[in-house]
Amino acid sequence: FLLSWITAVTWQEDVKQIDQQIEQLQNLQDKYRWNMERNVNNAMRWQFQNQNYLDARRAWEQASQEKQKIQEIQDQIDDLEVRKKKILEEHGEEQPS
């Protein structure tokens, strides 16, 4: 009985930890998304102003890098979701999506 209880606590803690990691990654993703949108807005404003052309170009490049980071974070979130789903399936638990 004790071993099965310890096992239950262990996998439940794993799921809880995965949920926390997902939340942290989503917060980081939101930060990059906000920065990307700000850079896109600046670039759109600056691109037709000769004196701001280089600033616009840098803003577009920064927005592109942030978009890539957002995708990388999403890939990590997807991997964690798969891992969580596998743990829940192994223990006969259903979690709503």
PDB file of N, CA and C in Angstrom:
ATOM      1  N   PHE A   1       0.826  -1.201   0.000  1.00  0.00           N
ATOM      2  CA  PHE A   1       0.000   0.000   0.000  1.00  0.00           C
ATOM      3  C   PHE A   1       0.868   1.262   0.000  1.00  0.00           C
ATOM      4  N   LEU A   2       1.885   1.274   0.832  1.00  0.00           N
ATOM      5  CA  LEU A   2       2.751   2.440   0.938  1.00  0.00           C
ATOM      6  C   LEU A   2       3.460   2.735  -0.381  1.00  0.00           C
ATOM      7  N   LEU A   3       3.928   1.688  -1.052  1.00  0.00           N
ATOM      8  CA  LEU A   3       4.618   1.874  -2.328  1.00  0.00           C
ATOM      9  C   LEU A   3       3.685   2.466  -3.378  1.00  0.00           C
ATOM     10  N   SER A   4       2.444   1.991  -3.430  1.00  0.00           N
ATOM     11  CA  SER A   4       1.504   2.538  -4.412  1.00  0.00           C
ATOM     12  C   SER A   4       1.160   3.986  -4.083  1.00  0.00           C
ATOM     13  N   TRP A   5       1.111   4.335  -2.813  1.00  0.00           N
ATOM     14  CA  TRP A   5       0.838   5.713  -2.416  1.00  0.00           C
ATOM     15  C   TRP A   5       2.002   6.621  -2.820  1.00  0.00           C
ATOM     16  N   ILE A   6       3.227   6.153  -2.591  1.00  0.00           N
ATOM     17  CA  ILE A   6       4.415   6.924  -2.970  1.00  0.00           C
ATOM     18  C   ILE A   6       4.459   7.118  -4.480  1.00  0.00           C
ATOM     19  N   THR A   7       4.144   6.078  -5.232  1.00  0.00           N
ATOM     20  CA  THR A   7       4.111   6.174  -6.690  1.00  0.00           C
ATOM     21  C   THR A   7       3.073   7.191  -7.141  1.00  0.00           C
ATOM     22  N   ALA A   8       1.898   7.171  -6.500  1.00  0.00           N
ATOM     23  CA  ALA A   8       0.841   8.118  -6.854  1.00  0.00           C
ATOM     24  C   ALA A   8       1.295   9.548  -6.592  1.00  0.00           C
ATOM     25  N   VAL A   9       1.937   9.760  -5.459  1.00  0.00           N
ATOM     26  CA  VAL A   9       2.422  11.100  -5.137  1.00  0.00           C
ATOM     27  C   VAL A   9       3.473  11.532  -6.154  1.00  0.00           C
ATOM     28  N   THR A  10       4.350  10.622  -6.528  1.00  0.00           N
ATOM     29  CA  THR A  10       5.426  10.943  -7.458  1.00  0.00           C
ATOM     30  C   THR A  10       4.889  11.389  -8.812  1.00  0.00           C
ATOM     31  N   TRP A  11       3.991  10.619  -9.410  1.00  0.00           N
ATOM     32  CA  TRP A  11       3.505  11.012 -10.732  1.00  0.00           C
ATOM     33  C   TRP A  11       2.632  12.253 -10.652  1.00  0.00           C
ATOM     34  N   GLN A  12       1.902  12.413  -9.550  1.00  0.00           N
ATOM     35  CA  GLN A  12       1.091  13.624  -9.393  1.00  0.00           C
ATOM     36  C   GLN A  12       1.983  14.859  -9.238  1.00  0.00           C
ATOM     37  N   GLU A  13       3.095  14.695  -8.537  1.00  0.00           N
ATOM     38  CA  GLU A  13       4.055  15.793  -8.421  1.00  0.00           C
ATOM     39  C   GLU A  13       4.680  16.109  -9.783  1.00  0.00           C
ATOM     40  N   ASP A  14       4.938  15.067 -10.568  1.00  0.00           N
ATOM     41  CA  ASP A  14       5.469  15.281 -11.920  1.00  0.00           C
ATOM     42  C   ASP A  14       4.499  16.120 -12.750  1.00  0.00           C
ATOM     43  N   VAL A  15       3.214  15.776 -12.672  1.00  0.00           N
ATOM     44  CA  VAL A  15       2.195  16.514 -13.424  1.00  0.00           C
ATOM     45  C   VAL A  15       2.131  17.959 -12.932  1.00  0.00           C
ATOM     46  N   LYS A  16       2.182  18.131 -11.623  1.00  0.00           N
ATOM     47  CA  LYS A  16       2.143  19.483 -11.051  1.00  0.00           C
ATOM     48  C   LYS A  16       3.355  20.298 -11.509  1.00  0.00           C
ATOM     49  N   GLN A  17       4.515  19.674 -11.514  1.00  0.00           N
ATOM     50  CA  GLN A  17       5.732  20.355 -11.951  1.00  0.00           C
ATOM     51  C   GLN A  17       5.648  20.720 -13.439  1.00  0.00           C
ATOM     52  N   ILE A  18       5.123  19.814 -14.234  1.00  0.00           N
ATOM     53  CA  ILE A  18       4.950  20.090 -15.668  1.00  0.00           C
ATOM     54  C   ILE A  18       4.008  21.275 -15.859  1.00  0.00           C
ATOM     55  N   ASP A  19       2.903  21.300 -15.108  1.00  0.00           N
ATOM     56  CA  ASP A  19       1.967  22.425 -15.205  1.00  0.00           C
ATOM     57  C   ASP A  19       2.647  23.747 -14.853  1.00  0.00           C
ATOM     58  N   GLN A  20       3.495  23.726 -13.829  1.00  0.00           N
ATOM     59  CA  GLN A  20       4.217  24.937 -13.435  1.00  0.00           C
ATOM     60  C   GLN A  20       5.190  25.375 -14.530  1.00  0.00           C
ATOM     61  N   GLN A  21       5.877  24.406 -15.127  1.00  0.00           N
ATOM     62  CA  GLN A  21       6.807  24.734 -16.209  1.00  0.00           C
ATOM     63  C   GLN A  21       6.064  25.323 -17.399  1.00  0.00           C
ATOM     64  N   ILE A  22       4.917  24.749 -17.718  1.00  0.00           N
ATOM     65  CA  ILE A  22       4.113  25.254 -18.830  1.00  0.00           C
ATOM     66  C   ILE A  22       3.682  26.689 -18.556  1.00  0.00           C
ATOM     67  N   GLU A  23       3.244  26.949 -17.334  1.00  0.00           N
ATOM     68  CA  GLU A  23       2.812  28.304 -16.982  1.00  0.00           C
ATOM     69  C   GLU A  23       3.968  29.300 -17.097  1.00  0.00           C
ATOM     70  N   GLN A  24       5.146  28.917 -16.629  1.00  0.00           N
ATOM     71  CA  GLN A  24       6.312  29.795 -16.737  1.00  0.00           C
ATOM     72  C   GLN A  24       6.662  30.061 -18.200  1.00  0.00           C
ATOM     73  N   LEU A  25       6.609  29.018 -19.008  1.00  0.00           N
ATOM     74  CA  LEU A  25       6.921  29.184 -20.429  1.00  0.00           C
ATOM     75  C   LEU A  25       5.885  30.061 -21.127  1.00  0.00           C
ATOM     76  N   GLN A  26       4.616  29.912 -20.754  1.00  0.00           N
ATOM     77  CA  GLN A  26       3.576  30.742 -21.352  1.00  0.00           C
ATOM     78  C   GLN A  26       3.769  32.210 -20.978  1.00  0.00           C
ATOM     79  N   ASN A  27       4.180  32.457 -19.740  1.00  0.00           N
ATOM     80  CA  ASN A  27       4.459  33.837 -19.327  1.00  0.00           C
ATOM     81  C   ASN A  27       5.626  34.417 -20.121  1.00  0.00           C
ATOM     82  N   LEU A  28       6.669  33.615 -20.311  1.00  0.00           N
ATOM     83  CA  LEU A  28       7.816  34.054 -21.101  1.00  0.00           C
ATOM     84  C   LEU A  28       7.403  34.302 -22.553  1.00  0.00           C
ATOM     85  N   GLN A  29       6.560  33.428 -23.060  1.00  0.00           N
ATOM     86  CA  GLN A  29       6.060  33.564 -24.426  1.00  0.00           C
ATOM     87  C   GLN A  29       5.266  34.870 -24.570  1.00  0.00           C
ATOM     88  N   ASP A  30       4.454  35.184 -23.570  1.00  0.00           N
ATOM     89  CA  ASP A  30       3.690  36.438 -23.600  1.00  0.00           C
ATOM     90  C   ASP A  30       4.616  37.649 -23.637  1.00  0.00           C
ATOM     91  N   LYS A  31       5.711  37.580 -22.887  1.00  0.00           N
ATOM     92  CA  LYS A  31       6.690  38.676 -22.874  1.00  0.00           C
ATOM     93  C   LYS A  31       7.291  38.868 -24.265  1.00  0.00           C
ATOM     94  N   TYR A  32       7.708  37.761 -24.892  1.00  0.00           N
ATOM     95  CA  TYR A  32       8.276  37.861 -26.239  1.00  0.00           C
ATOM     96  C   TYR A  32       7.230  38.340 -27.242  1.00  0.00           C
ATOM     97  N   ARG A  33       5.996  37.896 -27.085  1.00  0.00           N
ATOM     98  CA  ARG A  33       4.932  38.311 -28.000  1.00  0.00           C
ATOM     99  C   ARG A  33       4.691  39.820 -27.889  1.00  0.00           C
ATOM    100  N   TRP A  34       4.682  40.330 -26.670  1.00  0.00           N
ATOM    101  CA  TRP A  34       4.493  41.764 -26.468  1.00  0.00           C
ATOM    102  C   TRP A  34       5.638  42.544 -27.114  1.00  0.00           C
ATOM    103  N   ASN A  35       6.865  42.086 -26.885  1.00  0.00           N
ATOM    104  CA  ASN A  35       8.029  42.757 -27.485  1.00  0.00           C
ATOM    105  C   ASN A  35       7.983  42.694 -29.007  1.00  0.00           C
ATOM    106  N   MET A  36       7.572  41.556 -29.545  1.00  0.00           N
ATOM    107  CA  MET A  36       7.481  41.405 -30.993  1.00  0.00           C
ATOM    108  C   MET A  36       6.464  42.399 -31.562  1.00  0.00           C
ATOM    109  N   GLU A  37       5.301  42.480 -30.929  1.00  0.00           N
ATOM    110  CA  GLU A  37       4.270  43.395 -31.413  1.00  0.00           C
ATOM    111  C   GLU A  37       4.734  44.849 -31.342  1.00  0.00           C
ATOM    112  N   ARG A  38       5.447  45.191 -30.283  1.00  0.00           N
ATOM    113  CA  ARG A  38       5.976  46.551 -30.148  1.00  0.00           C
ATOM    114  C   ARG A  38       6.974  46.842 -31.266  1.00  0.00           C
ATOM    115  N   ASN A  39       7.859  45.885 -31.549  1.00  0.00           N
ATOM    116  CA  ASN A  39       8.844  46.080 -32.615  1.00  0.00           C
ATOM    117  C   ASN A  39       8.191  46.161 -33.985  1.00  0.00           C
ATOM    118  N   VAL A  40       7.179  45.352 -34.217  1.00  0.00           N
ATOM    119  CA  VAL A  40       6.462  45.413 -35.499  1.00  0.00           C
ATOM    120  C   VAL A  40       5.800  46.780 -35.654  1.00  0.00           C
ATOM    121  N   ASN A  41       5.155  47.248 -34.595  1.00  0.00           N
ATOM    122  CA  ASN A  41       4.504  48.564 -34.663  1.00  0.00           C
ATOM    123  C   ASN A  41       5.518  49.667 -34.941  1.00  0.00           C
ATOM    124  N   ASN A  42       6.648  49.622 -34.263  1.00  0.00           N
ATOM    125  CA  ASN A  42       7.689  50.628 -34.507  1.00  0.00           C
ATOM    126  C   ASN A  42       8.208  50.540 -35.937  1.00  0.00           C
ATOM    127  N   ALA A  43       8.474  49.340 -36.392  1.00  0.00           N
ATOM    128  CA  ALA A  43       8.996  49.158 -37.752  1.00  0.00           C
ATOM    129  C   ALA A  43       8.009  49.669 -38.794  1.00  0.00           C
ATOM    130  N   MET A  44       6.734  49.386 -38.580  1.00  0.00           N
ATOM    131  CA  MET A  44       5.710  49.857 -39.526  1.00  0.00           C
ATOM    132  C   MET A  44       5.695  51.388 -39.578  1.00  0.00           C
ATOM    133  N   ARG A  45       5.872  51.996 -38.430  1.00  0.00           N
ATOM    134  CA  ARG A  45       5.863  53.455 -38.367  1.00  0.00           C
ATOM    135  C   ARG A  45       7.109  54.056 -38.995  1.00  0.00           C
ATOM    136  N   TRP A  46       8.236  53.427 -38.771  1.00  0.00           N
ATOM    137  CA  TRP A  46       9.522  53.997 -39.183  1.00  0.00           C
ATOM    138  C   TRP A  46       9.938  53.664 -40.616  1.00  0.00           C
ATOM    139  N   GLN A  47       9.377  52.640 -41.217  1.00  0.00           N
ATOM    140  CA  GLN A  47       9.934  52.134 -42.473  1.00  0.00           C
ATOM    141  C   GLN A  47       9.908  53.141 -43.623  1.00  0.00           C
ATOM    142  N   PHE A  48       9.013  54.092 -43.594  1.00  0.00           N
ATOM    143  CA  PHE A  48       8.930  55.052 -44.691  1.00  0.00           C
ATOM    144  C   PHE A  48       9.520  56.409 -44.332  1.00  0.00           C
ATOM    145  N   GLN A  49      10.194  56.468 -43.199  1.00  0.00           N
ATOM    146  CA  GLN A  49      10.872  57.699 -42.787  1.00  0.00           C
ATOM    147  C   GLN A  49      12.368  57.491 -43.015  1.00  0.00           C
ATOM    148  N   ASN A  50      12.939  58.263 -43.934  1.00  0.00           N
ATOM    149  CA  ASN A  50      14.349  58.073 -44.300  1.00  0.00           C
ATOM    150  C   ASN A  50      15.280  58.082 -43.100  1.00  0.00           C
ATOM    151  N   GLN A  51      15.055  59.000 -42.179  1.00  0.00           N
ATOM    152  CA  GLN A  51      15.956  59.096 -41.036  1.00  0.00           C
ATOM    153  C   GLN A  51      15.787  57.912 -40.068  1.00  0.00           C
ATOM    154  N   ASN A  52      14.721  57.165 -40.195  1.00  0.00           N
ATOM    155  CA  ASN A  52      14.472  56.035 -39.293  1.00  0.00           C
ATOM    156  C   ASN A  52      14.554  54.674 -39.990  1.00  0.00           C
ATOM    157  N   TYR A  53      15.044  54.665 -41.218  1.00  0.00           N
ATOM    158  CA  TYR A  53      15.085  53.415 -41.976  1.00  0.00           C
ATOM    159  C   TYR A  53      15.875  52.330 -41.254  1.00  0.00           C
ATOM    160  N   LEU A  54      17.051  52.677 -40.733  1.00  0.00           N
ATOM    161  CA  LEU A  54      17.872  51.675 -40.040  1.00  0.00           C
ATOM    162  C   LEU A  54      17.201  51.194 -38.757  1.00  0.00           C
ATOM    163  N   ASP A  55      16.529  52.106 -38.069  1.00  0.00           N
ATOM    164  CA  ASP A  55      15.790  51.708 -36.867  1.00  0.00           C
ATOM    165  C   ASP A  55      14.665  50.742 -37.226  1.00  0.00           C
ATOM    166  N   ALA A  56      13.998  51.024 -38.335  1.00  0.00           N
ATOM    167  CA  ALA A  56      12.919  50.136 -38.779  1.00  0.00           C
ATOM    168  C   ALA A  56      13.468  48.756 -39.113  1.00  0.00           C
ATOM    169  N   ARG A  57      14.587  48.744 -39.798  1.00  0.00           N
ATOM    170  CA  ARG A  57      15.202  47.461 -40.170  1.00  0.00           C
ATOM    171  C   ARG A  57      15.588  46.650 -38.933  1.00  0.00           C
ATOM    172  N   ARG A  58      16.179  47.335 -37.953  1.00  0.00           N
ATOM    173  CA  ARG A  58      16.538  46.651 -36.702  1.00  0.00           C
ATOM    174  C   ARG A  58      15.293  46.137 -35.982  1.00  0.00           C
ATOM    175  N   ALA A  59      14.235  46.920 -35.996  1.00  0.00           N
ATOM    176  CA  ALA A  59      12.990  46.510 -35.340  1.00  0.00           C
ATOM    177  C   ALA A  59      12.397  45.279 -36.026  1.00  0.00           C
ATOM    178  N   TRP A  60      12.441  45.247 -37.377  1.00  0.00           N
ATOM    179  CA  TRP A  60      11.947  44.066 -38.095  1.00  0.00           C
ATOM    180  C   TRP A  60      12.773  42.835 -37.733  1.00  0.00           C
ATOM    181  N   GLU A  61      14.096  43.006 -37.679  1.00  0.00           N
ATOM    182  CA  GLU A  61      14.976  41.879 -37.339  1.00  0.00           C
ATOM    183  C   GLU A  61      14.709  41.387 -35.921  1.00  0.00           C
ATOM    184  N   GLN A  62      14.532  42.323 -34.993  1.00  0.00           N
ATOM    185  CA  GLN A  62      14.245  41.954 -33.606  1.00  0.00           C
ATOM    186  C   GLN A  62      12.902  41.231 -33.516  1.00  0.00           C
ATOM    187  N   ALA A  63      11.908  41.723 -34.236  1.00  0.00           N
ATOM    188  CA  ALA A  63      10.594  41.072 -34.238  1.00  0.00           C
ATOM    189  C   ALA A  63      10.702  39.650 -34.782  1.00  0.00           C
ATOM    190  N   SER A  64      11.510  39.475 -35.807  1.00  0.00           N
ATOM    191  CA  SER A  64      11.707  38.142 -36.384  1.00  0.00           C
ATOM    192  C   SER A  64      12.367  37.199 -35.380  1.00  0.00           C
ATOM    193  N   GLN A  65      13.361  37.694 -34.665  1.00  0.00           N
ATOM    194  CA  GLN A  65      14.029  36.872 -33.649  1.00  0.00           C
ATOM    195  C   GLN A  65      13.070  36.502 -32.521  1.00  0.00           C
ATOM    196  N   GLU A  66      12.249  37.453 -32.123  1.00  0.00           N
ATOM    197  CA  GLU A  66      11.289  37.182 -31.058  1.00  0.00           C
ATOM    198  C   GLU A  66      10.235  36.187 -31.515  1.00  0.00           C
ATOM    199  N   LYS A  67       9.837  36.270 -32.776  1.00  0.00           N
ATOM    200  CA  LYS A  67       8.884  35.298 -33.315  1.00  0.00           C
ATOM    201  C   LYS A  67       9.481  33.897 -33.267  1.00  0.00           C
ATOM    202  N   GLN A  68      10.757  33.785 -33.587  1.00  0.00           N
ATOM    203  CA  GLN A  68      11.436  32.491 -33.531  1.00  0.00           C
ATOM    204  C   GLN A  68      11.487  31.971 -32.092  1.00  0.00           C
ATOM    205  N   LYS A  69      11.772  32.851 -31.138  1.00  0.00           N
ATOM    206  CA  LYS A  69      11.801  32.448 -29.730  1.00  0.00           C
ATOM    207  C   LYS A  69      10.425  31.981 -29.266  1.00  0.00           C
ATOM    208  N   ILE A  70       9.387  32.666 -29.716  1.00  0.00           N
ATOM    209  CA  ILE A  70       8.018  32.279 -29.365  1.00  0.00           C
ATOM    210  C   ILE A  70       7.741  30.868 -29.867  1.00  0.00           C
ATOM    211  N   GLN A  71       8.170  30.557 -31.087  1.00  0.00           N
ATOM    212  CA  GLN A  71       7.961  29.221 -31.642  1.00  0.00           C
ATOM    213  C   GLN A  71       8.763  28.176 -30.872  1.00  0.00           C
ATOM    214  N   GLU A  72       9.997  28.500 -30.504  1.00  0.00           N
ATOM    215  CA  GLU A  72      10.813  27.564 -29.730  1.00  0.00           C
ATOM    216  C   GLU A  72      10.164  27.265 -28.383  1.00  0.00           C
ATOM    217  N   ILE A  73       9.629  28.294 -27.750  1.00  0.00           N
ATOM    218  CA  ILE A  73       8.945  28.100 -26.470  1.00  0.00           C
ATOM    219  C   ILE A  73       7.693  27.257 -26.675  1.00  0.00           C
ATOM    220  N   GLN A  74       6.965  27.502 -27.771  1.00  0.00           N
ATOM    221  CA  GLN A  74       5.767  26.706 -28.047  1.00  0.00           C
ATOM    222  C   GLN A  74       6.130  25.239 -28.239  1.00  0.00           C
ATOM    223  N   ASP A  75       7.251  24.978 -28.887  1.00  0.00           N
ATOM    224  CA  ASP A  75       7.710  23.595 -29.057  1.00  0.00           C
ATOM    225  C   ASP A  75       7.979  22.945 -27.703  1.00  0.00           C
ATOM    226  N   GLN A  76       8.576  23.703 -26.782  1.00  0.00           N
ATOM    227  CA  GLN A  76       8.825  23.178 -25.438  1.00  0.00           C
ATOM    228  C   GLN A  76       7.514  22.901 -24.713  1.00  0.00           C
ATOM    229  N   ILE A  77       6.553  23.811 -24.851  1.00  0.00           N
ATOM    230  CA  ILE A  77       5.240  23.626 -24.227  1.00  0.00           C
ATOM    231  C   ILE A  77       4.573  22.381 -24.795  1.00  0.00           C
ATOM    232  N   ASP A  78       4.635  22.217 -26.111  1.00  0.00           N
ATOM    233  CA  ASP A  78       4.038  21.037 -26.746  1.00  0.00           C
ATOM    234  C   ASP A  78       4.671  19.752 -26.226  1.00  0.00           C
ATOM    235  N   ASP A  79       5.996  19.748 -26.081  1.00  0.00           N
ATOM    236  CA  ASP A  79       6.685  18.567 -25.546  1.00  0.00           C
ATOM    237  C   ASP A  79       6.231  18.264 -24.124  1.00  0.00           C
ATOM    238  N   LEU A  80       6.099  19.299 -23.302  1.00  0.00           N
ATOM    239  CA  LEU A  80       5.635  19.103 -21.927  1.00  0.00           C
ATOM    240  C   LEU A  80       4.202  18.585 -21.890  1.00  0.00           C
ATOM    241  N   GLU A  81       3.353  19.093 -22.781  1.00  0.00           N
ATOM    242  CA  GLU A  81       1.962  18.619 -22.847  1.00  0.00           C
ATOM    243  C   GLU A  81       1.904  17.136 -23.214  1.00  0.00           C
ATOM    244  N   VAL A  82       2.763  16.722 -24.151  1.00  0.00           N
ATOM    245  CA  VAL A  82       2.819  15.310 -24.545  1.00  0.00           C
ATOM    246  C   VAL A  82       3.279  14.462 -23.366  1.00  0.00           C
ATOM    247  N   ARG A  83       4.310  14.939 -22.670  1.00  0.00           N
ATOM    248  CA  ARG A  83       4.814  14.209 -21.504  1.00  0.00           C
ATOM    249  C   ARG A  83       3.743  14.088 -20.423  1.00  0.00           C
ATOM    250  N   LYS A  84       3.030  15.166 -20.183  1.00  0.00           N
ATOM    251  CA  LYS A  84       1.956  15.168 -19.186  1.00  0.00           C
ATOM    252  C   LYS A  84       0.851  14.196 -19.586  1.00  0.00           C
ATOM    253  N   LYS A  85       0.471  14.233 -20.849  1.00  0.00           N
ATOM    254  CA  LYS A  85      -0.586  13.343 -21.338  1.00  0.00           C
ATOM    255  C   LYS A  85      -0.172  11.888 -21.168  1.00  0.00           C
ATOM    256  N   LYS A  86       1.084  11.587 -21.464  1.00  0.00           N
ATOM    257  CA  LYS A  86       1.587  10.222 -21.323  1.00  0.00           C
ATOM    258  C   LYS A  86       1.523   9.770 -19.863  1.00  0.00           C
ATOM    259  N   ILE A  87       1.936  10.637 -18.952  1.00  0.00           N
ATOM    260  CA  ILE A  87       1.884  10.302 -17.524  1.00  0.00           C
ATOM    261  C   ILE A  87       0.450  10.044 -17.092  1.00  0.00           C
ATOM    262  N   LEU A  88      -0.461  10.914 -17.511  1.00  0.00           N
ATOM    263  CA  LEU A  88      -1.863  10.754 -17.128  1.00  0.00           C
ATOM    264  C   LEU A  88      -2.462   9.481 -17.713  1.00  0.00           C
ATOM    265  N   GLU A  89      -2.110   9.157 -18.946  1.00  0.00           N
ATOM    266  CA  GLU A  89      -2.616   7.930 -19.565  1.00  0.00           C
ATOM    267  C   GLU A  89      -2.079   6.695 -18.856  1.00  0.00           C
ATOM    268  N   GLU A  90      -0.815   6.738 -18.445  1.00  0.00           N
ATOM    269  CA  GLU A  90      -0.218   5.602 -17.746  1.00  0.00           C
ATOM    270  C   GLU A  90      -0.909   5.331 -16.417  1.00  0.00           C
ATOM    271  N   HIS A  91      -1.458   6.368 -15.821  1.00  0.00           N
ATOM    272  CA  HIS A  91      -2.072   6.220 -14.506  1.00  0.00           C
ATOM    273  C   HIS A  91      -3.592   6.291 -14.573  1.00  0.00           C
ATOM    274  N   GLY A  92      -4.134   6.191 -15.777  1.00  0.00           N
ATOM    275  CA  GLY A  92      -5.579   6.117 -15.947  1.00  0.00           C
ATOM    276  C   GLY A  92      -6.317   7.389 -15.588  1.00  0.00           C
ATOM    277  N   GLU A  93      -5.654   8.498 -15.690  1.00  0.00           N
ATOM    278  CA  GLU A  93      -6.273   9.782 -15.363  1.00  0.00           C
ATOM    279  C   GLU A  93      -6.612  10.511 -16.655  1.00  0.00           C
ATOM    280  N   GLU A  94      -7.753  11.140 -16.654  1.00  0.00           N
ATOM    281  CA  GLU A  94      -8.145  11.969 -17.788  1.00  0.00           C
ATOM    282  C   GLU A  94      -8.121  13.417 -17.339  1.00  0.00           C
ATOM    283  N   GLN A  95      -7.525  14.249 -18.117  1.00  0.00           N
ATOM    284  CA  GLN A  95      -7.476  15.676 -17.815  1.00  0.00           C
ATOM    285  C   GLN A  95      -8.099  16.406 -18.989  1.00  0.00           C
ATOM    286  N   PRO A  96      -9.063  17.276 -18.719  1.00  0.00           N
ATOM    287  CA  PRO A  96      -9.668  18.023 -19.828  1.00  0.00           C
ATOM    288  C   PRO A  96      -8.649  18.920 -20.501  1.00  0.00           C
ATOM    289  N   SER A  97      -8.778  19.071 -21.804  1.00  0.00           N
ATOM    290  CA  SER A  97      -7.838  19.892 -22.579  1.00  0.00           C
ATOM    291  C   SER A  97      -8.132  21.351 -22.393  1.00  0.00           C
TER     292      SER A  97
END
